[in-house]
């Protein structure tokens, strides 16, 4: 009876199954991808991912624990030296399964199992999509802020100067237009008839009258 054992038997005994999975994991560590059936790939994924997690701690104990599963010195050294540094930032999901279709003959489902970080096609797409963020130093950011402040101050000064230029003719023309009627409406025009009726003319007419009267009295006396 299985009693809750979820790993597939794969049509083999337990010893044969363990050796097969250790050999497959060693070949996956060496070549970074292998082609196999879907059921074997799923069983291998459950078998190798805990070993990759143990390789993050490069201690003698972890090396011995992994060696008890792999039984291959090259696989252990490759896993701890190169693969562990490559997958150090990943918390899980170190492998990927890509389905290929069914195999001719027995109609078994085939697939590729590979390490995620060693697939150049997918990693190139991710790098092209993700843009690197560059951090500016404090000096560069301060220089940029100073330049922006200078530009804004220049714009403000130009905006303040432009209305002054526009208002200059208006200020010069306004009093001229208002003062023009004031000069025309001077009291001199109203006093013009007074100037015509000057007292000099009145005195001249009075002298003429007096001289005429004197001449008439002299004529009367002569007669």
N, C-alpha and C. Protein backbone atom coordinates (compact mmCIF):
# COMPACT_ATOMS: atom_id res chain seq x y z
N UNK A 1 0.84 -1.20 0.00
CA UNK A 1 0.00 0.00 0.00
C UNK A 1 0.87 1.25 0.00
N UNK A 2 0.36 2.31 -0.61
CA UNK A 2 1.15 3.53 -0.76
C UNK A 2 1.14 4.36 0.52
N UNK A 3 0.01 4.51 1.15
CA UNK A 3 -0.12 5.26 2.40
C UNK A 3 0.35 6.71 2.24
N UNK A 4 -0.21 7.42 1.25
CA UNK A 4 0.07 8.85 1.08
C UNK A 4 1.38 9.17 0.40
N UNK A 5 2.02 8.21 -0.21
CA UNK A 5 3.26 8.49 -0.94
C UNK A 5 2.88 9.01 -2.33
N UNK A 6 3.21 10.32 -2.57
CA UNK A 6 2.75 10.98 -3.79
C UNK A 6 3.72 10.84 -4.95
N UNK A 7 4.93 10.40 -4.71
CA UNK A 7 5.89 10.28 -5.80
C UNK A 7 5.52 9.10 -6.70
N UNK A 8 5.63 9.31 -8.02
CA UNK A 8 5.28 8.19 -8.92
C UNK A 8 6.33 7.07 -8.87
N UNK A 9 5.88 5.85 -9.07
CA UNK A 9 6.79 4.69 -9.01
C UNK A 9 7.59 4.53 -10.30
N UNK A 10 7.04 5.02 -11.42
CA UNK A 10 7.71 4.98 -12.72
C UNK A 10 8.00 3.55 -13.18
N UNK A 11 7.24 2.58 -12.68
CA UNK A 11 7.42 1.18 -13.11
C UNK A 11 8.72 0.57 -12.67
N UNK A 12 9.31 1.04 -11.55
CA UNK A 12 10.61 0.56 -11.09
C UNK A 12 10.55 0.33 -9.58
N UNK A 13 11.54 -0.37 -9.13
CA UNK A 13 11.67 -0.55 -7.68
C UNK A 13 12.22 0.74 -7.06
N UNK A 14 12.18 0.79 -5.74
CA UNK A 14 12.61 2.01 -5.05
C UNK A 14 14.10 2.27 -5.27
N UNK A 15 14.94 1.24 -5.21
CA UNK A 15 16.38 1.43 -5.40
C UNK A 15 16.68 1.87 -6.83
N UNK A 16 16.00 1.20 -7.80
CA UNK A 16 16.19 1.58 -9.21
C UNK A 16 15.72 3.01 -9.46
N UNK A 17 14.63 3.39 -8.85
CA UNK A 17 14.08 4.74 -9.04
C UNK A 17 15.02 5.79 -8.47
N UNK A 18 15.59 5.56 -7.28
CA UNK A 18 16.51 6.52 -6.68
C UNK A 18 17.77 6.70 -7.53
N UNK A 19 18.32 5.62 -8.03
CA UNK A 19 19.52 5.71 -8.87
C UNK A 19 19.22 6.43 -10.18
N UNK A 20 18.05 6.13 -10.75
CA UNK A 20 17.68 6.80 -11.99
C UNK A 20 17.54 8.31 -11.78
N UNK A 21 16.90 8.73 -10.72
CA UNK A 21 16.71 10.16 -10.46
C UNK A 21 18.04 10.84 -10.14
N UNK A 22 18.94 10.15 -9.44
CA UNK A 22 20.25 10.75 -9.16
C UNK A 22 21.06 10.90 -10.44
N UNK A 23 21.00 9.93 -11.33
CA UNK A 23 21.71 10.04 -12.61
C UNK A 23 21.11 11.16 -13.48
N UNK A 24 19.80 11.26 -13.49
CA UNK A 24 19.15 12.32 -14.27
C UNK A 24 19.49 13.70 -13.70
N UNK A 25 19.53 13.82 -12.37
CA UNK A 25 19.87 15.11 -11.77
C UNK A 25 21.32 15.47 -12.06
N UNK A 26 22.24 14.48 -12.08
CA UNK A 26 23.65 14.77 -12.42
C UNK A 26 23.78 15.23 -13.87
N UNK A 27 23.05 14.59 -14.77
CA UNK A 27 23.10 15.01 -16.17
C UNK A 27 22.46 16.38 -16.35
N UNK A 28 21.43 16.69 -15.56
CA UNK A 28 20.82 18.04 -15.64
C UNK A 28 21.79 19.09 -15.12
N UNK A 29 22.52 18.78 -14.06
CA UNK A 29 23.52 19.72 -13.53
C UNK A 29 24.65 19.92 -14.54
N UNK A 30 25.00 18.89 -15.25
CA UNK A 30 26.10 18.99 -16.21
C UNK A 30 25.70 19.74 -17.46
N UNK A 31 24.56 19.39 -18.06
CA UNK A 31 24.14 19.95 -19.35
C UNK A 31 23.14 21.10 -19.21
N UNK A 32 22.61 21.32 -18.03
CA UNK A 32 21.66 22.41 -17.72
C UNK A 32 20.30 22.21 -18.36
N UNK A 33 20.11 21.21 -19.19
CA UNK A 33 18.80 20.85 -19.73
C UNK A 33 18.87 19.44 -20.30
N UNK A 34 17.77 18.71 -20.14
CA UNK A 34 17.68 17.35 -20.69
C UNK A 34 16.28 17.15 -21.24
N UNK A 35 16.15 16.18 -22.15
CA UNK A 35 14.86 15.82 -22.74
C UNK A 35 14.45 14.48 -22.18
N UNK A 36 13.24 14.41 -21.67
CA UNK A 36 12.72 13.18 -21.07
C UNK A 36 11.20 13.20 -21.11
N UNK A 37 10.58 12.17 -20.55
CA UNK A 37 9.12 12.13 -20.51
C UNK A 37 8.60 13.07 -19.42
N UNK A 38 7.32 13.38 -19.54
CA UNK A 38 6.74 14.36 -18.63
C UNK A 38 6.68 13.83 -17.20
N UNK A 39 6.34 12.58 -17.02
CA UNK A 39 6.25 12.03 -15.67
C UNK A 39 7.62 11.96 -15.00
N UNK A 40 8.64 11.58 -15.76
CA UNK A 40 10.00 11.55 -15.19
C UNK A 40 10.48 12.97 -14.86
N UNK A 41 10.12 13.94 -15.71
CA UNK A 41 10.55 15.33 -15.46
C UNK A 41 9.90 15.87 -14.19
N UNK A 42 8.64 15.55 -13.96
CA UNK A 42 7.97 16.00 -12.73
C UNK A 42 8.58 15.36 -11.50
N UNK A 43 8.92 14.07 -11.61
CA UNK A 43 9.57 13.39 -10.48
C UNK A 43 10.97 13.96 -10.24
N UNK A 44 11.70 14.27 -11.32
CA UNK A 44 13.03 14.86 -11.18
C UNK A 44 12.96 16.26 -10.58
N UNK A 45 11.94 17.01 -10.93
CA UNK A 45 11.79 18.36 -10.39
C UNK A 45 11.60 18.32 -8.87
N UNK A 46 10.83 17.38 -8.38
CA UNK A 46 10.65 17.24 -6.93
C UNK A 46 11.93 16.74 -6.26
N UNK A 47 12.75 16.03 -7.00
CA UNK A 47 13.96 15.43 -6.43
C UNK A 47 15.12 16.42 -6.34
N UNK A 48 15.28 17.27 -7.37
CA UNK A 48 16.48 18.10 -7.45
C UNK A 48 16.32 19.47 -6.81
N UNK A 49 15.12 20.01 -6.75
CA UNK A 49 14.97 21.37 -6.23
C UNK A 49 15.34 21.49 -4.75
N UNK A 50 15.01 20.55 -3.89
CA UNK A 50 15.52 20.64 -2.51
C UNK A 50 17.04 20.58 -2.42
N UNK A 51 17.68 19.87 -3.34
CA UNK A 51 19.14 19.81 -3.35
C UNK A 51 19.74 21.16 -3.76
N UNK A 52 19.09 21.83 -4.70
CA UNK A 52 19.56 23.16 -5.12
C UNK A 52 19.40 24.16 -3.98
N UNK A 53 18.35 24.04 -3.22
CA UNK A 53 18.17 24.92 -2.05
C UNK A 53 19.26 24.68 -1.02
N UNK A 54 19.66 23.43 -0.81
CA UNK A 54 20.74 23.14 0.14
C UNK A 54 22.09 23.65 -0.35
N UNK A 55 22.25 23.79 -1.66
CA UNK A 55 23.53 24.25 -2.19
C UNK A 55 23.77 25.73 -1.92
N UNK A 56 22.76 26.48 -1.50
CA UNK A 56 22.96 27.90 -1.19
C UNK A 56 23.86 28.08 0.03
N UNK A 57 23.84 27.14 0.95
CA UNK A 57 24.73 27.16 2.11
C UNK A 57 25.93 26.27 1.81
N UNK A 58 27.03 26.90 1.49
CA UNK A 58 28.23 26.16 1.09
C UNK A 58 29.01 25.72 2.33
N UNK A 59 28.47 24.69 2.99
CA UNK A 59 29.13 24.12 4.16
C UNK A 59 29.44 22.64 3.90
N UNK A 60 30.28 22.07 4.75
CA UNK A 60 30.63 20.67 4.60
C UNK A 60 29.44 19.76 4.84
N UNK A 61 28.61 20.14 5.77
CA UNK A 61 27.43 19.33 6.06
C UNK A 61 26.48 19.28 4.86
N UNK A 62 26.22 20.46 4.26
CA UNK A 62 25.32 20.50 3.11
C UNK A 62 25.91 19.75 1.92
N UNK A 63 27.21 19.81 1.74
CA UNK A 63 27.85 19.06 0.66
C UNK A 63 27.70 17.55 0.87
N UNK A 64 27.84 17.11 2.08
CA UNK A 64 27.70 15.68 2.35
C UNK A 64 26.25 15.22 2.18
N UNK A 65 25.31 16.08 2.56
CA UNK A 65 23.90 15.73 2.38
C UNK A 65 23.54 15.61 0.89
N UNK A 66 24.05 16.53 0.08
CA UNK A 66 23.77 16.48 -1.36
C UNK A 66 24.48 15.29 -1.99
N UNK A 67 25.69 14.99 -1.53
CA UNK A 67 26.43 13.86 -2.08
C UNK A 67 25.75 12.52 -1.78
N UNK A 68 25.02 12.45 -0.66
CA UNK A 68 24.29 11.22 -0.34
C UNK A 68 23.17 10.95 -1.34
N UNK A 69 22.68 12.01 -2.00
CA UNK A 69 21.65 11.85 -3.01
C UNK A 69 22.24 11.66 -4.41
N UNK A 70 23.26 12.43 -4.75
CA UNK A 70 23.77 12.42 -6.12
C UNK A 70 24.80 11.30 -6.36
N UNK A 71 25.66 11.05 -5.40
CA UNK A 71 26.73 10.06 -5.53
C UNK A 71 27.65 10.38 -6.70
N UNK A 72 27.95 11.68 -6.86
CA UNK A 72 28.82 12.10 -7.96
C UNK A 72 29.56 13.36 -7.51
N UNK A 73 30.90 13.27 -7.45
CA UNK A 73 31.68 14.40 -6.97
C UNK A 73 31.61 15.58 -7.94
N UNK A 74 31.62 15.28 -9.24
CA UNK A 74 31.54 16.38 -10.22
C UNK A 74 30.21 17.11 -10.11
N UNK A 75 29.13 16.37 -9.96
CA UNK A 75 27.81 17.02 -9.83
C UNK A 75 27.72 17.89 -8.59
N UNK A 76 28.31 17.42 -7.47
CA UNK A 76 28.27 18.21 -6.23
C UNK A 76 29.08 19.49 -6.38
N UNK A 77 30.29 19.38 -6.93
CA UNK A 77 31.14 20.56 -7.08
C UNK A 77 30.53 21.57 -8.06
N UNK A 78 29.96 21.07 -9.16
CA UNK A 78 29.32 21.96 -10.13
C UNK A 78 28.10 22.66 -9.52
N UNK A 79 27.35 21.93 -8.71
CA UNK A 79 26.16 22.51 -8.09
C UNK A 79 26.53 23.58 -7.08
N UNK A 80 27.56 23.36 -6.27
CA UNK A 80 27.92 24.31 -5.22
C UNK A 80 28.77 25.47 -5.74
N UNK A 81 29.53 25.25 -6.80
CA UNK A 81 30.45 26.29 -7.26
C UNK A 81 29.82 27.25 -8.27
N UNK A 82 29.11 26.73 -9.25
CA UNK A 82 28.59 27.57 -10.33
C UNK A 82 27.08 27.81 -10.24
N UNK A 83 26.31 26.75 -10.06
CA UNK A 83 24.85 26.89 -10.10
C UNK A 83 24.33 27.65 -8.89
N UNK A 84 24.92 27.41 -7.72
CA UNK A 84 24.44 28.08 -6.50
C UNK A 84 24.61 29.60 -6.59
N UNK A 85 25.71 30.07 -7.20
CA UNK A 85 25.91 31.51 -7.36
C UNK A 85 24.96 32.09 -8.41
N UNK A 86 24.57 31.28 -9.37
CA UNK A 86 23.67 31.75 -10.42
C UNK A 86 22.24 31.90 -9.91
N UNK A 87 21.82 31.00 -9.01
CA UNK A 87 20.44 31.01 -8.54
C UNK A 87 20.32 31.55 -7.12
N UNK A 88 21.31 32.31 -6.67
CA UNK A 88 21.31 32.79 -5.28
C UNK A 88 20.16 33.76 -5.01
N UNK A 89 19.74 34.54 -6.00
CA UNK A 89 18.67 35.52 -5.80
C UNK A 89 17.27 34.93 -5.97
N UNK A 90 17.18 33.66 -6.34
CA UNK A 90 15.88 33.02 -6.56
C UNK A 90 15.50 32.20 -5.33
N UNK A 91 14.26 32.34 -4.90
CA UNK A 91 13.81 31.66 -3.69
C UNK A 91 13.23 30.28 -3.97
N UNK A 92 12.93 29.98 -5.18
CA UNK A 92 12.35 28.67 -5.54
C UNK A 92 12.06 28.63 -7.02
N UNK A 93 11.59 27.47 -7.48
CA UNK A 93 11.28 27.35 -8.91
C UNK A 93 12.53 27.43 -9.77
N UNK A 94 13.52 26.61 -9.45
CA UNK A 94 14.81 26.67 -10.16
C UNK A 94 14.75 26.02 -11.53
N UNK A 95 13.78 25.14 -11.75
CA UNK A 95 13.70 24.42 -13.02
C UNK A 95 12.39 24.76 -13.73
N UNK A 96 12.39 24.49 -15.04
CA UNK A 96 11.23 24.76 -15.89
C UNK A 96 11.00 23.55 -16.78
N UNK A 97 9.72 23.22 -17.01
CA UNK A 97 9.35 22.11 -17.88
C UNK A 97 8.67 22.68 -19.12
N UNK A 98 9.18 22.32 -20.30
CA UNK A 98 8.62 22.77 -21.58
C UNK A 98 8.15 21.54 -22.34
N UNK A 99 6.87 21.49 -22.64
CA UNK A 99 6.30 20.32 -23.31
C UNK A 99 6.64 20.34 -24.80
N UNK A 100 6.92 19.15 -25.34
CA UNK A 100 7.31 19.01 -26.75
C UNK A 100 6.30 18.25 -27.59
N UNK A 101 5.35 17.63 -26.98
CA UNK A 101 4.40 16.81 -27.73
C UNK A 101 4.58 15.34 -27.41
N UNK A 102 3.95 14.48 -28.19
CA UNK A 102 3.95 13.04 -27.92
C UNK A 102 4.98 12.34 -28.79
N UNK A 103 5.58 11.32 -28.20
CA UNK A 103 6.64 10.57 -28.87
C UNK A 103 6.03 9.50 -29.78
N UNK A 104 6.66 9.29 -30.93
CA UNK A 104 6.20 8.24 -31.83
C UNK A 104 6.53 6.86 -31.23
N UNK A 105 5.63 5.93 -31.43
CA UNK A 105 5.86 4.57 -30.92
C UNK A 105 4.95 4.29 -29.75
N UNK A 106 5.32 4.80 -28.55
CA UNK A 106 4.50 4.55 -27.36
C UNK A 106 3.59 5.73 -27.01
N UNK A 107 3.67 6.81 -27.78
CA UNK A 107 2.78 7.97 -27.60
C UNK A 107 2.96 8.63 -26.22
N UNK A 108 4.18 8.61 -25.72
CA UNK A 108 4.45 9.22 -24.41
C UNK A 108 4.67 10.72 -24.58
N UNK A 109 4.24 11.48 -23.60
CA UNK A 109 4.41 12.94 -23.64
C UNK A 109 5.86 13.29 -23.31
N UNK A 110 6.50 14.00 -24.26
CA UNK A 110 7.91 14.39 -24.09
C UNK A 110 7.99 15.85 -23.65
N UNK A 111 9.10 16.18 -23.00
CA UNK A 111 9.30 17.55 -22.53
C UNK A 111 10.78 17.81 -22.31
N UNK A 112 11.10 19.07 -22.10
CA UNK A 112 12.46 19.49 -21.75
C UNK A 112 12.40 20.05 -20.34
N UNK A 113 13.31 19.62 -19.48
CA UNK A 113 13.46 20.20 -18.15
C UNK A 113 14.81 20.90 -18.10
N UNK A 114 14.82 22.12 -17.63
CA UNK A 114 16.03 22.94 -17.66
C UNK A 114 16.06 23.87 -16.46
N UNK A 115 17.24 24.42 -16.20
CA UNK A 115 17.37 25.46 -15.18
C UNK A 115 16.90 26.79 -15.76
N UNK A 116 16.13 27.52 -14.96
CA UNK A 116 15.51 28.75 -15.44
C UNK A 116 16.57 29.80 -15.79
N UNK A 117 17.58 29.92 -14.96
CA UNK A 117 18.56 31.00 -15.14
C UNK A 117 19.55 30.72 -16.27
N UNK A 118 19.54 29.52 -16.84
CA UNK A 118 20.47 29.19 -17.92
C UNK A 118 19.82 29.21 -19.29
N UNK A 119 18.58 29.62 -19.37
CA UNK A 119 17.91 29.74 -20.67
C UNK A 119 18.18 31.13 -21.23
N UNK A 120 19.01 31.22 -22.27
CA UNK A 120 19.43 32.51 -22.81
C UNK A 120 18.32 33.21 -23.58
N UNK A 121 17.43 32.43 -24.18
CA UNK A 121 16.36 33.04 -24.98
C UNK A 121 15.41 33.82 -24.09
N UNK A 122 14.95 33.19 -23.01
CA UNK A 122 14.00 33.85 -22.11
C UNK A 122 14.66 34.97 -21.32
N UNK A 123 15.90 34.76 -20.92
CA UNK A 123 16.58 35.80 -20.13
C UNK A 123 16.85 37.04 -20.97
N UNK A 124 17.12 36.88 -22.28
CA UNK A 124 17.32 38.05 -23.15
C UNK A 124 16.04 38.85 -23.27
N UNK A 125 14.90 38.15 -23.40
CA UNK A 125 13.63 38.86 -23.50
C UNK A 125 13.34 39.64 -22.22
N UNK A 126 13.65 39.02 -21.08
CA UNK A 126 13.40 39.70 -19.81
C UNK A 126 14.30 40.91 -19.66
N UNK A 127 15.57 40.80 -20.07
CA UNK A 127 16.50 41.92 -19.95
C UNK A 127 16.11 43.06 -20.86
N UNK A 128 15.63 42.73 -22.07
CA UNK A 128 15.22 43.79 -22.98
C UNK A 128 13.99 44.52 -22.48
N UNK A 129 13.08 43.79 -21.82
CA UNK A 129 11.87 44.43 -21.31
C UNK A 129 12.15 45.25 -20.07
N UNK A 130 12.99 44.73 -19.20
CA UNK A 130 13.28 45.44 -17.95
C UNK A 130 14.40 46.44 -18.18
N UNK A 131 14.13 47.71 -17.90
CA UNK A 131 15.11 48.77 -18.07
C UNK A 131 15.88 48.96 -16.77
N UNK A 132 17.15 49.17 -16.91
CA UNK A 132 17.98 49.38 -15.73
C UNK A 132 17.75 50.78 -15.18
N UNK A 133 17.59 50.84 -13.87
CA UNK A 133 17.41 52.13 -13.21
C UNK A 133 18.76 52.63 -12.73
N UNK A 134 19.11 53.80 -13.17
CA UNK A 134 20.39 54.39 -12.78
C UNK A 134 20.15 55.40 -11.67
N UNK A 135 20.97 55.33 -10.66
CA UNK A 135 20.87 56.27 -9.54
C UNK A 135 21.83 57.42 -9.76
N UNK A 136 21.33 58.61 -9.68
CA UNK A 136 22.17 59.78 -9.84
C UNK A 136 22.80 60.13 -8.49
N UNK A 137 24.00 60.63 -8.57
CA UNK A 137 24.66 61.06 -7.35
C UNK A 137 24.03 62.34 -6.84
N UNK A 138 24.38 62.72 -5.59
CA UNK A 138 23.80 63.90 -5.01
C UNK A 138 24.22 65.16 -5.75
N UNK A 139 25.50 65.17 -6.22
CA UNK A 139 25.98 66.35 -6.95
C UNK A 139 25.23 66.52 -8.27
N UNK A 140 25.05 65.40 -8.99
CA UNK A 140 24.35 65.50 -10.28
C UNK A 140 22.92 65.95 -10.08
N UNK A 141 22.26 65.38 -9.06
CA UNK A 141 20.87 65.78 -8.82
C UNK A 141 20.77 67.25 -8.41
N UNK A 142 21.77 67.72 -7.58
CA UNK A 142 21.74 69.13 -7.18
C UNK A 142 21.99 70.04 -8.37
N UNK A 143 22.91 69.62 -9.28
CA UNK A 143 23.15 70.44 -10.47
C UNK A 143 21.91 70.52 -11.35
N UNK A 144 21.21 69.40 -11.49
CA UNK A 144 19.99 69.40 -12.29
C UNK A 144 18.93 70.31 -11.66
N UNK A 145 18.82 70.24 -10.34
CA UNK A 145 17.84 71.11 -9.66
C UNK A 145 18.20 72.58 -9.81
N UNK A 146 19.52 72.89 -9.72
CA UNK A 146 19.94 74.28 -9.89
C UNK A 146 19.64 74.79 -11.30
N UNK A 147 19.90 73.94 -12.30
CA UNK A 147 19.61 74.35 -13.68
C UNK A 147 18.12 74.56 -13.88
N UNK A 148 17.30 73.69 -13.27
CA UNK A 148 15.85 73.88 -13.39
C UNK A 148 15.40 75.16 -12.73
N UNK A 149 16.00 75.49 -11.57
CA UNK A 149 15.64 76.73 -10.90
C UNK A 149 16.04 77.95 -11.71
N UNK A 150 17.23 77.88 -12.34
CA UNK A 150 17.66 79.00 -13.18
C UNK A 150 16.72 79.20 -14.36
N UNK A 151 16.32 78.08 -14.99
CA UNK A 151 15.41 78.19 -16.12
C UNK A 151 14.08 78.79 -15.69
N UNK A 152 13.58 78.34 -14.54
CA UNK A 152 12.29 78.87 -14.07
C UNK A 152 12.40 80.35 -13.73
N UNK A 153 13.56 80.75 -13.12
CA UNK A 153 13.73 82.18 -12.80
C UNK A 153 13.82 83.03 -14.06
N UNK A 154 14.49 82.48 -15.10
CA UNK A 154 14.57 83.21 -16.36
C UNK A 154 13.20 83.38 -16.99
N UNK A 155 12.40 82.32 -16.93
CA UNK A 155 11.05 82.41 -17.50
C UNK A 155 10.22 83.43 -16.74
N UNK A 156 10.36 83.45 -15.40
CA UNK A 156 9.59 84.41 -14.61
C UNK A 156 10.01 85.84 -14.92
N UNK A 157 11.34 86.06 -15.05
CA UNK A 157 11.81 87.41 -15.35
C UNK A 157 11.34 87.87 -16.73
N UNK A 158 11.36 86.96 -17.71
CA UNK A 158 10.89 87.32 -19.05
C UNK A 158 9.41 87.62 -19.05
N UNK A 159 8.65 86.83 -18.27
CA UNK A 159 7.20 87.09 -18.19
C UNK A 159 6.91 88.41 -17.49
N UNK A 160 7.78 88.81 -16.53
CA UNK A 160 7.58 90.10 -15.87
C UNK A 160 7.98 91.26 -16.77
N UNK A 161 9.00 91.07 -17.61
CA UNK A 161 9.45 92.15 -18.49
C UNK A 161 8.49 92.38 -19.64
N UNK A 162 7.87 91.37 -20.16
CA UNK A 162 6.99 91.51 -21.32
C UNK A 162 5.79 92.41 -21.03
N UNK A 163 5.08 92.29 -19.89
CA UNK A 163 3.99 93.22 -19.64
C UNK A 163 4.45 94.65 -19.50
N UNK A 164 5.67 94.91 -18.99
CA UNK A 164 6.16 96.28 -18.87
C UNK A 164 6.33 96.90 -20.24
N UNK A 165 6.84 96.13 -21.15
CA UNK A 165 7.02 96.64 -22.51
C UNK A 165 5.69 96.93 -23.17
N UNK A 166 4.70 96.09 -22.89
CA UNK A 166 3.39 96.31 -23.49
C UNK A 166 2.69 97.52 -22.87
N UNK A 167 2.93 97.76 -21.57
CA UNK A 167 2.25 98.85 -20.90
C UNK A 167 2.90 100.20 -21.18
N UNK A 168 4.14 100.22 -21.69
CA UNK A 168 4.84 101.48 -21.90
C UNK A 168 4.10 102.41 -22.86
N UNK A 169 3.70 101.95 -24.06
CA UNK A 169 2.97 102.87 -24.94
C UNK A 169 1.62 103.27 -24.38
N UNK A 170 1.00 102.35 -23.65
CA UNK A 170 -0.31 102.69 -23.10
C UNK A 170 -0.18 103.79 -22.07
N UNK A 171 0.91 103.71 -21.27
CA UNK A 171 1.09 104.75 -20.26
C UNK A 171 1.42 106.09 -20.90
N UNK A 172 2.14 106.10 -22.03
CA UNK A 172 2.48 107.36 -22.70
C UNK A 172 1.30 107.95 -23.45
N UNK A 173 0.43 107.12 -24.00
CA UNK A 173 -0.67 107.61 -24.81
C UNK A 173 -1.86 108.07 -23.96
N UNK A 174 -2.05 107.47 -22.81
CA UNK A 174 -3.25 107.75 -22.03
C UNK A 174 -3.33 109.20 -21.57
N UNK A 175 -2.28 109.74 -20.94
CA UNK A 175 -2.40 111.15 -20.53
C UNK A 175 -2.50 112.11 -21.69
N UNK A 176 -1.86 111.80 -22.85
CA UNK A 176 -1.93 112.71 -23.99
C UNK A 176 -3.36 112.81 -24.49
N UNK A 177 -4.04 111.69 -24.57
CA UNK A 177 -5.42 111.71 -25.05
C UNK A 177 -6.33 112.42 -24.07
N UNK A 178 -6.04 112.29 -22.77
CA UNK A 178 -6.89 112.92 -21.78
C UNK A 178 -6.60 114.43 -21.68
N UNK A 179 -5.34 114.85 -21.84
CA UNK A 179 -4.97 116.26 -21.70
C UNK A 179 -5.31 117.09 -22.93
N UNK A 180 -5.50 116.45 -24.09
CA UNK A 180 -5.78 117.19 -25.31
C UNK A 180 -7.05 118.02 -25.18
N UNK A 181 -8.18 117.45 -24.74
CA UNK A 181 -9.37 118.29 -24.60
C UNK A 181 -9.21 119.33 -23.51
N UNK A 182 -8.39 119.05 -22.49
CA UNK A 182 -8.21 120.03 -21.42
C UNK A 182 -7.53 121.29 -21.97
N UNK A 183 -6.55 121.12 -22.86
CA UNK A 183 -5.88 122.29 -23.45
C UNK A 183 -6.81 123.06 -24.36
N UNK A 184 -7.68 122.38 -25.07
CA UNK A 184 -8.60 123.06 -25.98
C UNK A 184 -9.66 123.85 -25.20
N UNK A 185 -10.08 123.29 -24.05
CA UNK A 185 -11.14 123.92 -23.28
C UNK A 185 -10.55 124.91 -22.29
N UNK A 186 -9.62 125.74 -22.74
CA UNK A 186 -9.00 126.75 -21.85
C UNK A 186 -9.91 127.96 -21.73
N UNK A 187 -9.84 128.69 -20.62
CA UNK A 187 -10.69 129.90 -20.47
C UNK A 187 -10.30 131.04 -21.39
N UNK A 188 -9.16 130.89 -22.11
CA UNK A 188 -8.74 131.97 -23.01
C UNK A 188 -9.74 132.16 -24.12
N UNK A 189 -10.29 131.06 -24.65
CA UNK A 189 -11.26 131.17 -25.74
C UNK A 189 -12.52 131.89 -25.28
N UNK A 190 -12.90 131.68 -24.01
CA UNK A 190 -14.10 132.36 -23.51
C UNK A 190 -13.84 133.87 -23.30
N UNK A 191 -12.61 134.26 -22.92
CA UNK A 191 -12.28 135.66 -22.68
C UNK A 191 -11.91 136.43 -23.95
N UNK A 192 -11.93 135.72 -25.10
CA UNK A 192 -11.56 136.37 -26.35
C UNK A 192 -12.44 137.58 -26.66
N UNK A 193 -13.77 137.50 -26.54
CA UNK A 193 -14.56 138.70 -26.79
C UNK A 193 -14.27 139.81 -25.81
N UNK A 194 -13.88 139.43 -24.59
CA UNK A 194 -13.53 140.48 -23.62
C UNK A 194 -12.30 141.23 -24.09
N UNK A 195 -11.36 140.50 -24.69
CA UNK A 195 -10.15 141.15 -25.20
C UNK A 195 -10.48 142.07 -26.38
N UNK A 196 -11.48 141.69 -27.19
CA UNK A 196 -11.85 142.53 -28.33
C UNK A 196 -12.47 143.86 -27.85
N UNK A 197 -13.28 143.74 -26.78
CA UNK A 197 -13.90 144.94 -26.23
C UNK A 197 -12.97 145.56 -25.21
N UNK A 198 -11.82 145.97 -25.68
CA UNK A 198 -10.81 146.53 -24.79
C UNK A 198 -11.18 147.95 -24.41
N UNK A 199 -10.77 148.42 -23.22
CA UNK A 199 -11.09 149.82 -22.82
C UNK A 199 -10.40 150.86 -23.68
N UNK A 200 -9.34 150.47 -24.37
CA UNK A 200 -8.65 151.44 -25.25
C UNK A 200 -9.56 151.95 -26.34
N UNK A 201 -10.35 151.09 -26.89
CA UNK A 201 -11.27 151.48 -27.95
C UNK A 201 -12.37 152.40 -27.41
N UNK A 202 -12.82 152.08 -26.14
CA UNK A 202 -13.85 152.93 -25.55
C UNK A 202 -13.31 154.35 -25.31
N UNK A 203 -12.05 154.44 -24.83
CA UNK A 203 -11.45 155.75 -24.59
C UNK A 203 -11.26 156.54 -25.90
N UNK A 204 -10.89 155.76 -26.95
CA UNK A 204 -10.70 156.43 -28.25
C UNK A 204 -12.03 157.03 -28.74
N UNK A 205 -13.11 156.32 -28.58
CA UNK A 205 -14.41 156.84 -29.03
C UNK A 205 -14.86 158.05 -28.18
N UNK A 206 -14.54 158.02 -26.89
CA UNK A 206 -14.89 159.15 -26.01
C UNK A 206 -14.10 160.39 -26.40
N UNK A 207 -12.84 160.28 -26.72
CA UNK A 207 -12.01 161.42 -27.13
C UNK A 207 -12.56 162.05 -28.42
N UNK A 208 -12.98 161.14 -29.31
CA UNK A 208 -13.54 161.66 -30.57
C UNK A 208 -14.82 162.48 -30.29
N UNK A 209 -15.63 161.95 -29.36
CA UNK A 209 -16.87 162.68 -29.06
C UNK A 209 -16.57 164.06 -28.43
N UNK A 210 -15.58 164.05 -27.50
CA UNK A 210 -15.22 165.32 -26.85
C UNK A 210 -14.67 166.34 -27.86
N UNK A 211 -13.83 165.82 -28.76
CA UNK A 211 -13.25 166.74 -29.76
C UNK A 211 -14.35 167.29 -30.69
N UNK A 212 -15.33 166.45 -30.97
CA UNK A 212 -16.43 166.90 -31.82
C UNK A 212 -17.25 167.94 -31.11
N UNK A 213 -17.48 167.73 -29.81
CA UNK A 213 -18.27 168.71 -29.04
C UNK A 213 -17.51 170.04 -28.94
N UNK A 214 -16.19 169.96 -28.70
CA UNK A 214 -15.39 171.19 -28.59
C UNK A 214 -15.42 171.95 -29.91
N UNK A 215 -15.33 171.21 -31.00
CA UNK A 215 -15.36 171.88 -32.31
C UNK A 215 -16.69 172.56 -32.54
N UNK A 216 -17.76 171.90 -32.09
CA UNK A 216 -19.09 172.52 -32.29
C UNK A 216 -19.27 173.75 -31.41
N UNK A 217 -18.71 173.73 -30.17
CA UNK A 217 -18.81 174.92 -29.30
C UNK A 217 -17.99 176.08 -29.84
N UNK A 218 -16.82 175.80 -30.41
CA UNK A 218 -15.98 176.85 -31.00
C UNK A 218 -16.70 177.47 -32.19
N UNK A 219 -17.40 176.68 -32.98
CA UNK A 219 -18.11 177.24 -34.11
C UNK A 219 -19.24 178.17 -33.65
N UNK A 220 -19.88 177.72 -32.58
CA UNK A 220 -20.99 178.54 -32.05
C UNK A 220 -20.46 179.87 -31.52
N UNK A 221 -19.35 179.90 -30.87
CA UNK A 221 -18.80 181.11 -30.31
C UNK A 221 -18.36 182.06 -31.44
N UNK A 222 -17.85 181.55 -32.49
CA UNK A 222 -17.38 182.37 -33.62
C UNK A 222 -18.57 183.01 -34.26
N UNK A 223 -19.62 182.35 -34.33
CA UNK A 223 -20.80 182.93 -34.94
C UNK A 223 -21.38 184.03 -34.03
